[in-house]
């Protein structure tokens, strides 16, 4: 084999190694980018899950609080009279422009009642 042929083969091998190294570097860069993107997605997923858990917990607390409201426990009769609502239970009567406000007033009056 001539010196020129050996130099050609060496040059081809050097180019091949450089191409291989470029490909490896590109793959490593892509893998790092994918890993970073996956980490970002995982962080966002965790944030979303925490927010969802917080909302669920808040709703559970609200629903639990609704179960112990006097208007929920005693179910006063709700009547619409023209532009107002009346919630009545025994001798306790409350009024409001909406059913909810009548219930809120009922709860307020019930808590103030002496005979619990």
PDB file of N, CA and C in Angstrom:
ATOM      1  N   UNK A   1       0.853  -1.163   0.000  1.00  0.00           N
ATOM      2  CA  UNK A   1       0.000   0.000   0.000  1.00  0.00           C
ATOM      3  C   UNK A   1       0.899   1.227   0.000  1.00  0.00           C
ATOM      4  N   UNK A   2       0.513   2.180  -0.818  1.00  0.00           N
ATOM      5  CA  UNK A   2       1.334   3.376  -0.955  1.00  0.00           C
ATOM      6  C   UNK A   2       1.005   4.356   0.172  1.00  0.00           C
ATOM      7  N   UNK A   3       1.927   5.235   0.383  1.00  0.00           N
ATOM      8  CA  UNK A   3       1.769   6.263   1.419  1.00  0.00           C
ATOM      9  C   UNK A   3       0.535   7.119   1.135  1.00  0.00           C
ATOM     10  N   UNK A   4       0.285   7.422  -0.107  1.00  0.00           N
ATOM     11  CA  UNK A   4      -0.873   8.232  -0.485  1.00  0.00           C
ATOM     12  C   UNK A   4      -2.166   7.513  -0.131  1.00  0.00           C
ATOM     13  N   UNK A   5      -2.207   6.215  -0.412  1.00  0.00           N
ATOM     14  CA  UNK A   5      -3.394   5.428  -0.113  1.00  0.00           C
ATOM     15  C   UNK A   5      -3.624   5.382   1.398  1.00  0.00           C
ATOM     16  N   UNK A   6      -2.555   5.220   2.160  1.00  0.00           N
ATOM     17  CA  UNK A   6      -2.658   5.194   3.619  1.00  0.00           C
ATOM     18  C   UNK A   6      -3.174   6.536   4.125  1.00  0.00           C
ATOM     19  N   UNK A   7      -2.671   7.617   3.537  1.00  0.00           N
ATOM     20  CA  UNK A   7      -3.122   8.958   3.953  1.00  0.00           C
ATOM     21  C   UNK A   7      -4.599   9.171   3.600  1.00  0.00           C
ATOM     22  N   UNK A   8      -5.021   8.663   2.456  1.00  0.00           N
ATOM     23  CA  UNK A   8      -6.429   8.767   2.064  1.00  0.00           C
ATOM     24  C   UNK A   8      -7.320   8.017   3.047  1.00  0.00           C
ATOM     25  N   UNK A   9      -6.898   6.805   3.379  1.00  0.00           N
ATOM     26  CA  UNK A   9      -7.685   5.999   4.320  1.00  0.00           C
ATOM     27  C   UNK A   9      -7.735   6.690   5.690  1.00  0.00           C
ATOM     28  N   UNK A  10      -6.610   7.234   6.117  1.00  0.00           N
ATOM     29  CA  UNK A  10      -6.552   7.932   7.403  1.00  0.00           C
ATOM     30  C   UNK A  10      -7.478   9.148   7.379  1.00  0.00           C
ATOM     31  N   UNK A  11      -7.497   9.871   6.268  1.00  0.00           N
ATOM     32  CA  UNK A  11      -8.360  11.050   6.126  1.00  0.00           C
ATOM     33  C   UNK A  11      -9.833  10.630   6.165  1.00  0.00           C
ATOM     34  N   UNK A  12     -10.166   9.548   5.460  1.00  0.00           N
ATOM     35  CA  UNK A  12     -11.536   9.050   5.456  1.00  0.00           C
ATOM     36  C   UNK A  12     -11.949   8.631   6.864  1.00  0.00           C
ATOM     37  N   UNK A  13     -11.070   7.972   7.584  1.00  0.00           N
ATOM     38  CA  UNK A  13     -11.364   7.537   8.950  1.00  0.00           C
ATOM     39  C   UNK A  13     -11.535   8.745   9.878  1.00  0.00           C
ATOM     40  N   UNK A  14     -10.693   9.769   9.692  1.00  0.00           N
ATOM     41  CA  UNK A  14     -10.798  10.968  10.519  1.00  0.00           C
ATOM     42  C   UNK A  14     -12.129  11.663  10.255  1.00  0.00           C
ATOM     43  N   UNK A  15     -12.522  11.770   8.982  1.00  0.00           N
ATOM     44  CA  UNK A  15     -13.803  12.373   8.640  1.00  0.00           C
ATOM     45  C   UNK A  15     -14.956  11.549   9.221  1.00  0.00           C
ATOM     46  N   UNK A  16     -14.840  10.231   9.141  1.00  0.00           N
ATOM     47  CA  UNK A  16     -15.878   9.355   9.667  1.00  0.00           C
ATOM     48  C   UNK A  16     -16.000   9.517  11.186  1.00  0.00           C
ATOM     49  N   UNK A  17     -14.842   9.599  11.849  1.00  0.00           N
ATOM     50  CA  UNK A  17     -14.860   9.785  13.303  1.00  0.00           C
ATOM     51  C   UNK A  17     -15.447  11.152  13.666  1.00  0.00           C
ATOM     52  N   UNK A  18     -15.124  12.179  12.883  1.00  0.00           N
ATOM     53  CA  UNK A  18     -15.674  13.518  13.133  1.00  0.00           C
ATOM     54  C   UNK A  18     -17.186  13.514  12.922  1.00  0.00           C
ATOM     55  N   UNK A  19     -17.633  12.847  11.869  1.00  0.00           N
ATOM     56  CA  UNK A  19     -19.071  12.752  11.603  1.00  0.00           C
ATOM     57  C   UNK A  19     -19.769  11.989  12.719  1.00  0.00           C
ATOM     58  N   UNK A  20     -19.132  10.898  13.145  1.00  0.00           N
ATOM     59  CA  UNK A  20     -19.699  10.107  14.240  1.00  0.00           C
ATOM     60  C   UNK A  20     -19.784  10.948  15.511  1.00  0.00           C
ATOM     61  N   UNK A  21     -18.711  11.717  15.794  1.00  0.00           N
ATOM     62  CA  UNK A  21     -18.707  12.551  16.992  1.00  0.00           C
ATOM     63  C   UNK A  21     -19.772  13.639  16.900  1.00  0.00           C
ATOM     64  N   UNK A  22     -19.958  14.234  15.714  1.00  0.00           N
ATOM     65  CA  UNK A  22     -21.021  15.227  15.530  1.00  0.00           C
ATOM     66  C   UNK A  22     -22.389  14.603  15.777  1.00  0.00           C
ATOM     67  N   UNK A  23     -22.590  13.403  15.269  1.00  0.00           N
ATOM     68  CA  UNK A  23     -23.859  12.707  15.446  1.00  0.00           C
ATOM     69  C   UNK A  23     -24.098  12.394  16.931  1.00  0.00           C
ATOM     70  N   UNK A  24     -23.056  11.931  17.594  1.00  0.00           N
ATOM     71  CA  UNK A  24     -23.174  11.643  19.024  1.00  0.00           C
ATOM     72  C   UNK A  24     -23.505  12.922  19.788  1.00  0.00           C
ATOM     73  N   UNK A  25     -22.826  14.010  19.476  1.00  0.00           N
ATOM     74  CA  UNK A  25     -23.084  15.293  20.143  1.00  0.00           C
ATOM     75  C   UNK A  25     -24.515  15.764  19.890  1.00  0.00           C
ATOM     76  N   UNK A  26     -24.970  15.619  18.651  1.00  0.00           N
ATOM     77  CA  UNK A  26     -26.341  16.018  18.320  1.00  0.00           C
ATOM     78  C   UNK A  26     -27.349  15.168  19.093  1.00  0.00           C
ATOM     79  N   UNK A  27     -27.082  13.870  19.186  1.00  0.00           N
ATOM     80  CA  UNK A  27     -27.974  12.985  19.935  1.00  0.00           C
ATOM     81  C   UNK A  27     -27.973  13.337  21.419  1.00  0.00           C
ATOM     82  N   UNK A  28     -26.801  13.637  21.960  1.00  0.00           N
ATOM     83  CA  UNK A  28     -26.717  14.021  23.369  1.00  0.00           C
ATOM     84  C   UNK A  28     -27.473  15.326  23.610  1.00  0.00           C
ATOM     85  N   UNK A  29     -27.314  16.273  22.700  1.00  0.00           N
ATOM     86  CA  UNK A  29     -28.024  17.545  22.831  1.00  0.00           C
ATOM     87  C   UNK A  29     -29.528  17.322  22.765  1.00  0.00           C
ATOM     88  N   UNK A  30     -29.967  16.513  21.817  1.00  0.00           N
ATOM     89  CA  UNK A  30     -31.393  16.220  21.679  1.00  0.00           C
ATOM     90  C   UNK A  30     -31.910  15.513  22.934  1.00  0.00           C
ATOM     91  N   UNK A  31     -31.137  14.582  23.456  1.00  0.00           N
ATOM     92  CA  UNK A  31     -31.546  13.878  24.669  1.00  0.00           C
ATOM     93  C   UNK A  31     -31.652  14.846  25.845  1.00  0.00           C
ATOM     94  N   UNK A  32     -30.707  15.767  25.953  1.00  0.00           N
ATOM     95  CA  UNK A  32     -30.745  16.757  27.034  1.00  0.00           C
ATOM     96  C   UNK A  32     -31.966  17.659  26.877  1.00  0.00           C
ATOM     97  N   UNK A  33     -32.257  18.066  25.651  1.00  0.00           N
ATOM     98  CA  UNK A  33     -33.431  18.903  25.404  1.00  0.00           C
ATOM     99  C   UNK A  33     -34.716  18.137  25.742  1.00  0.00           C
ATOM    100  N   UNK A  34     -34.775  16.875  25.330  1.00  0.00           N
ATOM    101  CA  UNK A  34     -35.947  16.047  25.635  1.00  0.00           C
ATOM    102  C   UNK A  34     -36.108  15.869  27.138  1.00  0.00           C
ATOM    103  N   UNK A  35     -34.983  15.656  27.830  1.00  0.00           N
ATOM    104  CA  UNK A  35     -35.022  15.494  29.274  1.00  0.00           C
ATOM    105  C   UNK A  35     -35.507  16.776  29.941  1.00  0.00           C
ATOM    106  N   UNK A  36     -34.999  17.906  29.472  1.00  0.00           N
ATOM    107  CA  UNK A  36     -35.423  19.194  30.024  1.00  0.00           C
ATOM    108  C   UNK A  36     -36.913  19.428  29.765  1.00  0.00           C
ATOM    109  N   UNK A  37     -37.355  19.121  28.564  1.00  0.00           N
ATOM    110  CA  UNK A  37     -38.776  19.284  28.231  1.00  0.00           C
ATOM    111  C   UNK A  37     -39.631  18.346  29.084  1.00  0.00           C
ATOM    112  N   UNK A  38     -39.157  17.120  29.277  1.00  0.00           N
ATOM    113  CA  UNK A  38     -39.900  16.171  30.111  1.00  0.00           C
ATOM    114  C   UNK A  38     -39.955  16.653  31.559  1.00  0.00           C
ATOM    115  N   UNK A  39     -38.844  17.194  32.058  1.00  0.00           N
ATOM    116  CA  UNK A  39     -38.824  17.732  33.428  1.00  0.00           C
ATOM    117  C   UNK A  39     -39.791  18.911  33.562  1.00  0.00           C
ATOM    118  N   UNK A  40     -39.799  19.778  32.555  1.00  0.00           N
ATOM    119  CA  UNK A  40     -40.743  20.907  32.570  1.00  0.00           C
ATOM    120  C   UNK A  40     -42.183  20.398  32.571  1.00  0.00           C
ATOM    121  N   UNK A  41     -42.458  19.409  31.744  1.00  0.00           N
ATOM    122  CA  UNK A  41     -43.807  18.855  31.681  1.00  0.00           C
ATOM    123  C   UNK A  41     -44.180  18.197  33.009  1.00  0.00           C
ATOM    124  N   UNK A  42     -43.231  17.485  33.609  1.00  0.00           N
ATOM    125  CA  UNK A  42     -43.500  16.848  34.908  1.00  0.00           C
ATOM    126  C   UNK A  42     -43.744  17.885  35.993  1.00  0.00           C
ATOM    127  N   UNK A  43     -42.959  18.984  35.977  1.00  0.00           N
ATOM    128  CA  UNK A  43     -43.166  20.056  36.954  1.00  0.00           C
ATOM    129  C   UNK A  43     -44.546  20.680  36.781  1.00  0.00           C
ATOM    130  N   UNK A  44     -44.940  20.937  35.538  1.00  0.00           N
ATOM    131  CA  UNK A  44     -46.243  21.530  35.278  1.00  0.00           C
ATOM    132  C   UNK A  44     -47.357  20.579  35.695  1.00  0.00           C
ATOM    133  N   UNK A  45     -47.165  19.300  35.428  1.00  0.00           N
ATOM    134  CA  UNK A  45     -48.160  18.304  35.833  1.00  0.00           C
ATOM    135  C   UNK A  45     -48.299  18.297  37.351  1.00  0.00           C
ATOM    136  N   UNK A  46     -47.188  18.378  38.060  1.00  0.00           N
ATOM    137  CA  UNK A  46     -47.232  18.404  39.527  1.00  0.00           C
ATOM    138  C   UNK A  46     -47.962  19.640  40.033  1.00  0.00           C
ATOM    139  N   UNK A  47     -47.678  20.785  39.413  1.00  0.00           N
ATOM    140  CA  UNK A  47     -48.361  22.025  39.801  1.00  0.00           C
ATOM    141  C   UNK A  47     -49.863  21.891  39.558  1.00  0.00           C
ATOM    142  N   UNK A  48     -50.234  21.365  38.393  1.00  0.00           N
ATOM    143  CA  UNK A  48     -51.649  21.186  38.070  1.00  0.00           C
ATOM    144  C   UNK A  48     -52.327  20.223  39.048  1.00  0.00           C
ATOM    145  N   UNK A  49     -51.636  19.134  39.387  1.00  0.00           N
ATOM    146  CA  UNK A  49     -52.208  18.176  40.324  1.00  0.00           C
ATOM    147  C   UNK A  49     -52.374  18.787  41.712  1.00  0.00           C
ATOM    148  N   UNK A  50     -51.398  19.595  42.139  1.00  0.00           N
ATOM    149  CA  UNK A  50     -51.508  20.251  43.445  1.00  0.00           C
ATOM    150  C   UNK A  50     -52.668  21.240  43.454  1.00  0.00           C
ATOM    151  N   UNK A  51     -52.818  22.001  42.375  1.00  0.00           N
ATOM    152  CA  UNK A  51     -53.933  22.946  42.290  1.00  0.00           C
ATOM    153  C   UNK A  51     -55.271  22.209  42.289  1.00  0.00           C
ATOM    154  N   UNK A  52     -55.337  21.102  41.555  1.00  0.00           N
ATOM    155  CA  UNK A  52     -56.574  20.319  41.520  1.00  0.00           C
ATOM    156  C   UNK A  52     -56.884  19.749  42.904  1.00  0.00           C
ATOM    157  N   UNK A  53     -55.858  19.257  43.593  1.00  0.00           N
ATOM    158  CA  UNK A  53     -56.065  18.726  44.947  1.00  0.00           C
ATOM    159  C   UNK A  53     -56.549  19.814  45.892  1.00  0.00           C
ATOM    160  N   UNK A  54     -55.992  21.004  45.743  1.00  0.00           N
ATOM    161  CA  UNK A  54     -56.405  22.122  46.596  1.00  0.00           C
ATOM    162  C   UNK A  54     -57.874  22.471  46.342  1.00  0.00           C
ATOM    163  N   UNK A  55     -58.265  22.521  45.074  1.00  0.00           N
ATOM    164  CA  UNK A  55     -59.653  22.839  44.722  1.00  0.00           C
ATOM    165  C   UNK A  55     -60.588  21.764  45.273  1.00  0.00           C
ATOM    166  N   UNK A  56     -60.207  20.502  45.128  1.00  0.00           N
ATOM    167  CA  UNK A  56     -61.035  19.401  45.635  1.00  0.00           C
ATOM    168  C   UNK A  56     -61.166  19.492  47.149  1.00  0.00           C
ATOM    169  N   UNK A  57     -60.054  19.789  47.827  1.00  0.00           N
ATOM    170  CA  UNK A  57     -60.095  19.914  49.289  1.00  0.00           C
ATOM    171  C   UNK A  57     -60.994  21.069  49.715  1.00  0.00           C
ATOM    172  N   UNK A  58     -60.867  22.202  49.022  1.00  0.00           N
ATOM    173  CA  UNK A  58     -61.712  23.357  49.358  1.00  0.00           C
ATOM    174  C   UNK A  58     -63.189  23.033  49.145  1.00  0.00           C
ATOM    175  N   UNK A  59     -63.494  22.358  48.054  1.00  0.00           N
ATOM    176  CA  UNK A  59     -64.890  21.987  47.782  1.00  0.00           C
ATOM    177  C   UNK A  59     -65.400  21.008  48.831  1.00  0.00           C
ATOM    178  N   UNK A  60     -64.551  20.086  49.245  1.00  0.00           N
ATOM    179  CA  UNK A  60     -64.956  19.122  50.277  1.00  0.00           C
ATOM    180  C   UNK A  60     -65.274  19.831  51.584  1.00  0.00           C
ATOM    181  N   UNK A  61     -64.440  20.806  51.936  1.00  0.00           N
ATOM    182  CA  UNK A  61     -64.682  21.569  53.161  1.00  0.00           C
ATOM    183  C   UNK A  61     -65.994  22.339  53.038  1.00  0.00           C
ATOM    184  N   UNK A  62     -66.220  22.969  51.883  1.00  0.00           N
ATOM    185  CA  UNK A  62     -67.457  23.718  51.678  1.00  0.00           C
ATOM    186  C   UNK A  62     -68.669  22.791  51.760  1.00  0.00           C
ATOM    187  N   UNK A  63     -68.569  21.633  51.121  1.00  0.00           N
ATOM    188  CA  UNK A  63     -69.693  20.696  51.145  1.00  0.00           C
ATOM    189  C   UNK A  63     -69.933  20.179  52.559  1.00  0.00           C
ATOM    190  N   UNK A  64     -68.857  19.919  53.287  1.00  0.00           N
ATOM    191  CA  UNK A  64     -69.009  19.463  54.671  1.00  0.00           C
ATOM    192  C   UNK A  64     -69.672  20.538  55.510  1.00  0.00           C
ATOM    193  N   UNK A  65     -69.269  21.787  55.297  1.00  0.00           N
ATOM    194  CA  UNK A  65     -69.874  22.886  56.046  1.00  0.00           C
ATOM    195  C   UNK A  65     -71.358  23.012  55.713  1.00  0.00           C
ATOM    196  N   UNK A  66     -71.728  22.759  54.469  1.00  0.00           N
ATOM    197  CA  UNK A  66     -73.142  22.827  54.076  1.00  0.00           C
ATOM    198  C   UNK A  66     -73.983  21.765  54.774  1.00  0.00           C
ATOM    199  N   UNK A  67     -73.386  20.606  55.072  1.00  0.00           N
ATOM    200  CA  UNK A  67     -74.138  19.540  55.729  1.00  0.00           C
ATOM    201  C   UNK A  67     -74.511  19.890  57.161  1.00  0.00           C
ATOM    202  N   UNK A  68     -73.773  20.791  57.784  1.00  0.00           N
ATOM    203  CA  UNK A  68     -74.073  21.119  59.178  1.00  0.00           C
ATOM    204  C   UNK A  68     -74.810  22.442  59.316  1.00  0.00           C
ATOM    205  N   UNK A  69     -75.178  23.051  58.215  1.00  0.00           N
ATOM    206  CA  UNK A  69     -75.961  24.285  58.286  1.00  0.00           C
ATOM    207  C   UNK A  69     -77.359  23.966  58.822  1.00  0.00           C
ATOM    208  N   UNK A  70     -77.897  24.820  59.673  1.00  0.00           N
ATOM    209  CA  UNK A  70     -79.260  24.586  60.173  1.00  0.00           C
ATOM    210  C   UNK A  70     -80.289  24.418  59.064  1.00  0.00           C
ATOM    211  N   UNK A  71     -80.153  25.204  57.986  1.00  0.00           N
ATOM    212  CA  UNK A  71     -81.141  25.077  56.904  1.00  0.00           C
ATOM    213  C   UNK A  71     -81.017  23.734  56.192  1.00  0.00           C
ATOM    214  N   UNK A  72     -79.838  23.122  56.221  1.00  0.00           N
ATOM    215  CA  UNK A  72     -79.661  21.808  55.617  1.00  0.00           C
ATOM    216  C   UNK A  72     -80.162  20.722  56.560  1.00  0.00           C
ATOM    217  N   UNK A  73     -79.874  20.877  57.829  1.00  0.00           N
ATOM    218  CA  UNK A  73     -80.288  19.876  58.814  1.00  0.00           C
ATOM    219  C   UNK A  73     -81.796  19.854  59.019  1.00  0.00           C
ATOM    220  N   UNK A  74     -82.429  21.031  59.074  1.00  0.00           N
ATOM    221  CA  UNK A  74     -83.845  21.105  59.426  1.00  0.00           C
ATOM    222  C   UNK A  74     -84.786  21.296  58.237  1.00  0.00           C
ATOM    223  N   UNK A  75     -84.241  21.616  57.087  1.00  0.00           N
ATOM    224  CA  UNK A  75     -85.028  21.777  55.859  1.00  0.00           C
ATOM    225  C   UNK A  75     -86.283  22.621  56.058  1.00  0.00           C
ATOM    226  N   UNK A  76     -86.105  23.920  56.319  1.00  0.00           N
ATOM    227  CA  UNK A  76     -87.291  24.767  56.475  1.00  0.00           C
ATOM    228  C   UNK A  76     -88.077  24.823  55.164  1.00  0.00           C
ATOM    229  N   UNK A  77     -89.354  25.061  55.310  1.00  0.00           N
ATOM    230  CA  UNK A  77     -90.224  25.214  54.147  1.00  0.00           C
ATOM    231  C   UNK A  77     -89.830  26.509  53.432  1.00  0.00           C
ATOM    232  N   UNK A  78     -89.614  26.429  52.137  1.00  0.00           N
ATOM    233  CA  UNK A  78     -89.215  27.606  51.353  1.00  0.00           C
ATOM    234  C   UNK A  78     -90.383  28.026  50.478  1.00  0.00           C
ATOM    235  N   UNK A  79     -90.805  29.278  50.632  1.00  0.00           N
ATOM    236  CA  UNK A  79     -91.968  29.798  49.907  1.00  0.00           C
ATOM    237  C   UNK A  79     -91.564  31.088  49.203  1.00  0.00           C
ATOM    238  N   UNK A  80     -92.007  31.244  47.958  1.00  0.00           N
ATOM    239  CA  UNK A  80     -91.790  32.509  47.267  1.00  0.00           C
ATOM    240  C   UNK A  80     -93.048  33.357  47.416  1.00  0.00           C
ATOM    241  N   UNK A  81     -92.835  34.591  47.875  1.00  0.00           N
ATOM    242  CA  UNK A  81     -93.944  35.526  48.052  1.00  0.00           C
ATOM    243  C   UNK A  81     -93.582  36.799  47.300  1.00  0.00           C
ATOM    244  N   UNK A  82     -94.136  36.967  46.117  1.00  0.00           N
ATOM    245  CA  UNK A  82     -93.817  38.094  45.229  1.00  0.00           C
ATOM    246  C   UNK A  82     -92.318  38.163  44.980  1.00  0.00           C
ATOM    247  N   UNK A  83     -91.666  39.219  45.492  1.00  0.00           N
ATOM    248  CA  UNK A  83     -90.243  39.408  45.194  1.00  0.00           C
ATOM    249  C   UNK A  83     -89.334  38.961  46.336  1.00  0.00           C
ATOM    250  N   UNK A  84     -89.862  38.198  47.291  1.00  0.00           N
ATOM    251  CA  UNK A  84     -89.020  37.719  48.385  1.00  0.00           C
ATOM    252  C   UNK A  84     -89.258  36.231  48.624  1.00  0.00           C
ATOM    253  N   UNK A  85     -88.305  35.624  49.293  1.00  0.00           N
ATOM    254  CA  UNK A  85     -88.388  34.219  49.649  1.00  0.00           C
ATOM    255  C   UNK A  85     -88.504  34.111  51.162  1.00  0.00           C
ATOM    256  N   UNK A  86     -89.266  33.137  51.606  1.00  0.00           N
ATOM    257  CA  UNK A  86     -89.503  32.937  53.030  1.00  0.00           C
ATOM    258  C   UNK A  86     -89.078  31.511  53.361  1.00  0.00           C
ATOM    259  N   UNK A  87     -88.228  31.383  54.394  1.00  0.00           N
ATOM    260  CA  UNK A  87     -87.851  30.067  54.916  1.00  0.00           C
ATOM    261  C   UNK A  87     -88.452  29.960  56.308  1.00  0.00           C
ATOM    262  N   UNK A  88     -89.292  28.970  56.506  1.00  0.00           N
ATOM    263  CA  UNK A  88     -89.976  28.851  57.796  1.00  0.00           C
ATOM    264  C   UNK A  88     -89.878  27.424  58.331  1.00  0.00           C
ATOM    265  N   UNK A  89     -89.666  27.351  59.648  1.00  0.00           N
ATOM    266  CA  UNK A  89     -89.572  26.070  60.341  1.00  0.00           C
ATOM    267  C   UNK A  89     -90.085  26.297  61.754  1.00  0.00           C
ATOM    268  N   UNK A  90     -91.201  25.738  62.075  1.00  0.00           N
ATOM    269  CA  UNK A  90     -91.803  25.977  63.394  1.00  0.00           C
ATOM    270  C   UNK A  90     -92.112  27.457  63.561  1.00  0.00           C
ATOM    271  N   UNK A  91     -91.601  28.035  64.650  1.00  0.00           N
ATOM    272  CA  UNK A  91     -91.843  29.464  64.899  1.00  0.00           C
ATOM    273  C   UNK A  91     -90.730  30.357  64.346  1.00  0.00           C
ATOM    274  N   UNK A  92     -89.783  29.767  63.600  1.00  0.00           N
ATOM    275  CA  UNK A  92     -88.664  30.544  63.048  1.00  0.00           C
ATOM    276  C   UNK A  92     -88.930  30.844  61.575  1.00  0.00           C
ATOM    277  N   UNK A  93     -88.927  32.121  61.221  1.00  0.00           N
ATOM    278  CA  UNK A  93     -89.172  32.533  59.844  1.00  0.00           C
ATOM    279  C   UNK A  93     -88.112  33.535  59.438  1.00  0.00           C
ATOM    280  N   UNK A  94     -87.580  33.336  58.232  1.00  0.00           N
ATOM    281  CA  UNK A  94     -86.576  34.271  57.704  1.00  0.00           C
ATOM    282  C   UNK A  94     -86.974  34.676  56.297  1.00  0.00           C
ATOM    283  N   UNK A  95     -86.450  35.804  55.866  1.00  0.00           N
ATOM    284  CA  UNK A  95     -86.807  36.379  54.566  1.00  0.00           C
ATOM    285  C   UNK A  95     -85.540  36.747  53.812  1.00  0.00           C
ATOM    286  N   UNK A  96     -85.654  36.745  52.485  1.00  0.00           N
ATOM    287  CA  UNK A  96     -84.546  37.195  51.653  1.00  0.00           C
ATOM    288  C   UNK A  96     -84.978  37.345  50.213  1.00  0.00           C
ATOM    289  N   UNK A  97     -84.209  38.108  49.421  1.00  0.00           N
ATOM    290  CA  UNK A  97     -84.556  38.303  48.009  1.00  0.00           C
ATOM    291  C   UNK A  97     -84.307  37.054  47.151  1.00  0.00           C
ATOM    292  N   UNK A  98     -83.496  36.125  47.675  1.00  0.00           N
ATOM    293  CA  UNK A  98     -83.238  34.868  46.966  1.00  0.00           C
ATOM    294  C   UNK A  98     -83.387  33.725  47.967  1.00  0.00           C
ATOM    295  N   UNK A  99     -83.541  32.502  47.475  1.00  0.00           N
ATOM    296  CA  UNK A  99     -83.610  31.373  48.409  1.00  0.00           C
ATOM    297  C   UNK A  99     -82.369  31.287  49.302  1.00  0.00           C
ATOM    298  N   UNK A 100     -81.207  31.503  48.728  1.00  0.00           N
ATOM    299  CA  UNK A 100     -79.974  31.405  49.509  1.00  0.00           C
ATOM    300  C   UNK A 100     -79.921  32.452  50.611  1.00  0.00           C
ATOM    301  N   UNK A 101     -80.320  33.672  50.310  1.00  0.00           N
ATOM    302  CA  UNK A 101     -80.285  34.699  51.361  1.00  0.00           C
ATOM    303  C   UNK A 101     -81.317  34.402  52.447  1.00  0.00           C
ATOM    304  N   UNK A 102     -82.440  33.836  52.075  1.00  0.00           N
ATOM    305  CA  UNK A 102     -83.430  33.431  53.088  1.00  0.00           C
ATOM    306  C   UNK A 102     -82.842  32.321  53.956  1.00  0.00           C
ATOM    307  N   UNK A 103     -82.136  31.371  53.340  1.00  0.00           N
ATOM    308  CA  UNK A 103     -81.484  30.304  54.093  1.00  0.00           C
ATOM    309  C   UNK A 103     -80.371  30.858  54.985  1.00  0.00           C
ATOM    310  N   UNK A 104     -79.602  31.798  54.472  1.00  0.00           N
ATOM    311  CA  UNK A 104     -78.539  32.397  55.287  1.00  0.00           C
ATOM    312  C   UNK A 104     -79.124  33.098  56.511  1.00  0.00           C
ATOM    313  N   UNK A 105     -80.213  33.810  56.308  1.00  0.00           N
ATOM    314  CA  UNK A 105     -80.883  34.483  57.423  1.00  0.00           C
ATOM    315  C   UNK A 105     -81.443  33.449  58.399  1.00  0.00           C
ATOM    316  N   UNK A 106     -81.990  32.361  57.884  1.00  0.00           N
ATOM    317  CA  UNK A 106     -82.488  31.274  58.732  1.00  0.00           C
ATOM    318  C   UNK A 106     -81.352  30.726  59.597  1.00  0.00           C
ATOM    319  N   UNK A 107     -80.199  30.462  58.961  1.00  0.00           N
ATOM    320  CA  UNK A 107     -79.046  29.960  59.713  1.00  0.00           C
ATOM    321  C   UNK A 107     -78.638  30.938  60.809  1.00  0.00           C
ATOM    322  N   UNK A 108     -78.584  32.209  60.464  1.00  0.00           N
ATOM    323  CA  UNK A 108     -78.188  33.244  61.430  1.00  0.00           C
ATOM    324  C   UNK A 108     -79.158  33.282  62.605  1.00  0.00           C
ATOM    325  N   UNK A 109     -80.451  33.220  62.304  1.00  0.00           N
ATOM    326  CA  UNK A 109     -81.451  33.240  63.367  1.00  0.00           C
ATOM    327  C   UNK A 109     -81.415  31.961  64.201  1.00  0.00           C
ATOM    328  N   UNK A 110     -81.192  30.825  63.540  1.00  0.00           N
ATOM    329  CA  UNK A 110     -81.156  29.560  64.255  1.00  0.00           C
ATOM    330  C   UNK A 110     -80.018  29.537  65.273  1.00  0.00           C
ATOM    331  N   UNK A 111     -78.857  30.005  64.866  1.00  0.00           N
ATOM    332  CA  UNK A 111     -77.707  30.014  65.771  1.00  0.00           C
ATOM    333  C   UNK A 111     -77.991  30.911  66.968  1.00  0.00           C
ATOM    334  N   UNK A 112     -78.760  31.933  66.771  1.00  0.00           N
ATOM    335  CA  UNK A 112     -79.128  32.837  67.866  1.00  0.00           C
ATOM    336  C   UNK A 112     -80.243  32.288  68.744  1.00  0.00           C
ATOM    337  N   UNK A 113     -80.859  31.174  68.325  1.00  0.00           N
ATOM    338  CA  UNK A 113     -81.969  30.579  69.094  1.00  0.00           C
ATOM    339  C   UNK A 113     -81.461  30.042  70.419  1.00  0.00           C
ATOM    340  N   UNK A 114     -82.273  30.131  71.444  1.00  0.00           N
ATOM    341  CA  UNK A 114     -81.890  29.639  72.770  1.00  0.00           C
ATOM    342  C   UNK A 114     -82.001  28.125  72.891  1.00  0.00           C
ATOM    343  N   UNK A 115     -83.044  27.563  72.293  1.00  0.00           N
ATOM    344  CA  UNK A 115     -83.262  26.121  72.464  1.00  0.00           C
ATOM    345  C   UNK A 115     -82.627  25.332  71.313  1.00  0.00           C
ATOM    346  N   UNK A 116     -81.376  24.975  71.482  1.00  0.00           N
ATOM    347  CA  UNK A 116     -80.678  24.163  70.480  1.00  0.00           C
ATOM    348  C   UNK A 116     -80.692  22.716  70.856  1.00  0.00           C
TER     349      UNK A 116
END
